[in-house]
Protein backbone atom coordinates (compact mmCIF):
# COMPACT_ATOMS: atom_id res chain seq x y z
CA MET A 1 155.58 123.06 100.36
CA ASN A 2 152.06 120.87 99.74
CA PRO A 3 150.18 119.52 101.84
CA LEU A 4 148.37 117.11 99.75
CA ARG A 5 152.27 115.88 99.22
CA TYR A 6 152.03 113.34 103.02
CA TRP A 7 148.51 112.37 102.68
CA LYS A 8 149.41 109.44 103.81
CA THR A 9 151.34 110.46 107.01
CA ILE A 10 149.26 112.67 107.99
CA LEU A 11 146.83 110.38 107.90
CA GLY A 12 149.33 108.08 110.07
CA LEU A 13 149.63 110.18 112.49
CA LEU A 14 145.70 111.00 112.02
CA VAL A 15 144.99 106.80 112.85
CA VAL A 16 147.49 106.65 115.68
CA PHE A 17 146.13 109.29 117.35
CA PHE A 18 142.42 108.24 117.32
CA THR A 19 142.95 104.50 118.13
CA GLY A 20 145.16 105.66 121.48
CA LEU A 21 141.87 108.49 122.23
CA VAL A 22 139.68 105.09 121.69
CA ILE A 23 141.71 102.76 123.62
CA GLY A 24 142.42 105.45 126.61
CA GLY A 25 138.89 106.01 127.08
CA VAL A 26 137.71 101.79 126.94
CA LEU A 27 140.73 101.58 129.44
CA THR A 28 139.41 105.00 131.79
CA LEU A 29 135.77 103.28 131.95
CA GLY A 30 137.11 99.84 132.98
CA VAL A 31 139.50 101.51 135.98
CA LEU A 32 136.92 104.45 137.17
CA HIS A 33 133.84 100.97 137.07
CA ARG A 34 135.77 99.09 138.82
CA VAL A 35 136.84 102.06 141.65
CA VAL A 36 133.33 102.70 141.51
CA GLN A 37 132.38 97.99 142.56
CA GLU A 38 134.79 98.61 145.22
CA ARG A 39 133.52 101.71 146.56
CA GLN A 40 130.20 100.19 146.90
CA ASN A 41 131.19 97.34 148.59
CA PRO A 42 129.82 97.31 152.09
CA GLU A 43 133.64 94.95 153.11
CA ASN A 44 135.69 98.14 152.28
CA TRP A 45 133.71 100.74 154.56
CA SER A 46 135.79 99.88 157.08
CA SER A 47 139.25 99.52 156.16
CA TRP A 48 138.54 102.87 153.98
CA THR A 49 137.13 104.66 157.48
CA MET A 50 139.94 103.31 159.54
CA SER A 51 142.54 104.74 156.93
CA TRP A 52 140.16 108.40 157.32
CA PHE A 53 140.95 108.65 160.50
CA ARG A 54 144.45 107.42 160.62
CA LYS A 55 144.71 110.06 157.68
CA GLU A 56 143.14 113.06 159.25
CA LEU A 57 142.72 112.63 162.48
CA HIS A 58 146.13 111.21 163.38
CA VAL A 59 144.31 108.03 165.79
CA SER A 60 147.25 106.78 167.56
CA SER A 61 147.61 102.41 168.19
CA GLU A 62 145.70 102.34 170.96
CA GLN A 63 142.38 104.71 170.38
CA GLU A 64 142.52 102.80 166.40
CA LYS A 65 141.39 99.86 168.36
CA GLN A 66 138.93 101.03 170.78
CA LEU A 67 137.76 102.77 167.22
CA GLN A 68 137.42 99.42 165.25
CA PRO A 69 134.53 97.73 166.64
CA ILE A 70 132.48 101.06 166.33
CA VAL A 71 133.41 101.74 163.03
CA GLU A 72 133.15 97.88 162.03
CA LYS A 73 129.03 98.21 164.18
CA ALA A 74 128.36 101.55 161.23
CA MET A 75 129.53 99.93 158.48
CA GLY A 76 126.93 97.35 158.81
CA LYS A 77 124.29 98.93 159.96
CA MET A 78 125.01 101.37 156.66
CA ALA A 79 125.53 98.66 154.83
CA SER A 80 121.49 96.87 155.91
CA LEU A 81 120.20 100.88 155.47
CA ARG A 82 121.32 100.13 151.64
CA ASP A 83 119.86 96.41 151.06
CA ASP A 84 116.76 98.44 152.60
CA ALA A 85 117.09 100.95 150.52
CA ASP A 86 117.55 99.09 147.24
CA THR A 87 114.64 96.67 148.56
CA ARG A 88 112.06 99.82 149.15
CA TRP A 89 113.92 101.24 145.75
CA ARG A 90 112.76 97.70 144.04
CA ARG A 91 109.15 97.67 144.82
CA ILE A 92 108.10 100.92 144.51
CA VAL A 93 109.64 100.22 140.85
CA GLY A 94 107.31 96.71 140.17
CA GLU A 95 104.15 98.84 141.60
CA MET A 96 105.15 101.76 139.07
CA ILE A 97 105.12 99.22 135.76
CA LEU A 98 102.53 97.24 136.88
CA ASP A 99 100.10 100.66 137.47
CA ALA A 100 101.53 101.54 134.04
CA ARG A 101 100.84 98.15 132.36
CA PRO A 102 97.32 99.20 131.66
CA LEU A 103 98.36 101.89 130.02
CA LEU A 104 100.39 100.41 127.40
CA THR A 105 99.21 99.17 124.15
CA SER A 106 99.41 94.80 123.73
CA GLN A 107 102.95 95.65 121.76
CA GLN A 108 103.77 97.65 124.35
CA GLN A 109 103.68 95.36 127.25
CA THR A 110 104.58 92.42 125.28
CA ARG A 111 108.39 94.61 124.76
CA LEU A 112 108.32 95.19 128.76
CA GLY A 113 107.72 91.86 129.28
CA GLU A 114 110.99 91.09 127.05
CA ILE A 115 112.72 93.86 129.88
CA ILE A 116 112.34 92.24 132.48
CA GLN A 117 113.00 88.47 131.81
CA GLN A 118 116.05 89.76 130.24
CA SER A 119 116.23 91.76 133.35
CA GLU A 120 115.84 88.78 135.48
CA ALA A 121 118.04 86.19 132.99
CA SER A 122 120.73 88.17 133.69
CA GLY A 123 120.57 87.98 137.22
CA GLY A 124 119.25 91.51 137.35
CA ARG A 125 122.17 93.57 135.71
CA ARG A 126 119.78 95.09 132.93
CA THR A 127 119.19 98.28 134.41
CA HIS A 128 116.45 100.68 133.11
CA ALA A 129 116.57 104.50 132.13
CA PHE A 130 116.36 105.51 135.41
CA GLY A 131 119.49 104.36 136.16
CA GLY A 132 118.59 101.68 138.09
CA LYS A 133 117.55 97.99 138.12
CA PHE A 134 114.16 96.68 137.45
CA PRO A 135 112.89 94.44 139.90
């Protein structure tokens, strides 16, 4: 049997396979992005923590009522801690950029300014090489 005889069928199967691979990858990345955003949302922290108490410690409904204000208070402190850390992080990166700017060529300084403007225009969504947002 000559495999070249069925080249159109083989090519068609490869196209279908790789198309499925690409679509599956894109969908998986979309789901992962949404899950990560939900995990980072402080509004969800209390409910997840209470679910953990119910699942792992089998707390009673009476215990749950007593735990709820404790958990909410702790989650509020954690959200505040995260916001404080983010503010400090942005300040440190800003200081780094100011300290590094004199060492850059005029072309590099111009490019850095463009990147910062793009970040500000997009609401700080543009990230830099360190994985965080520009200040």
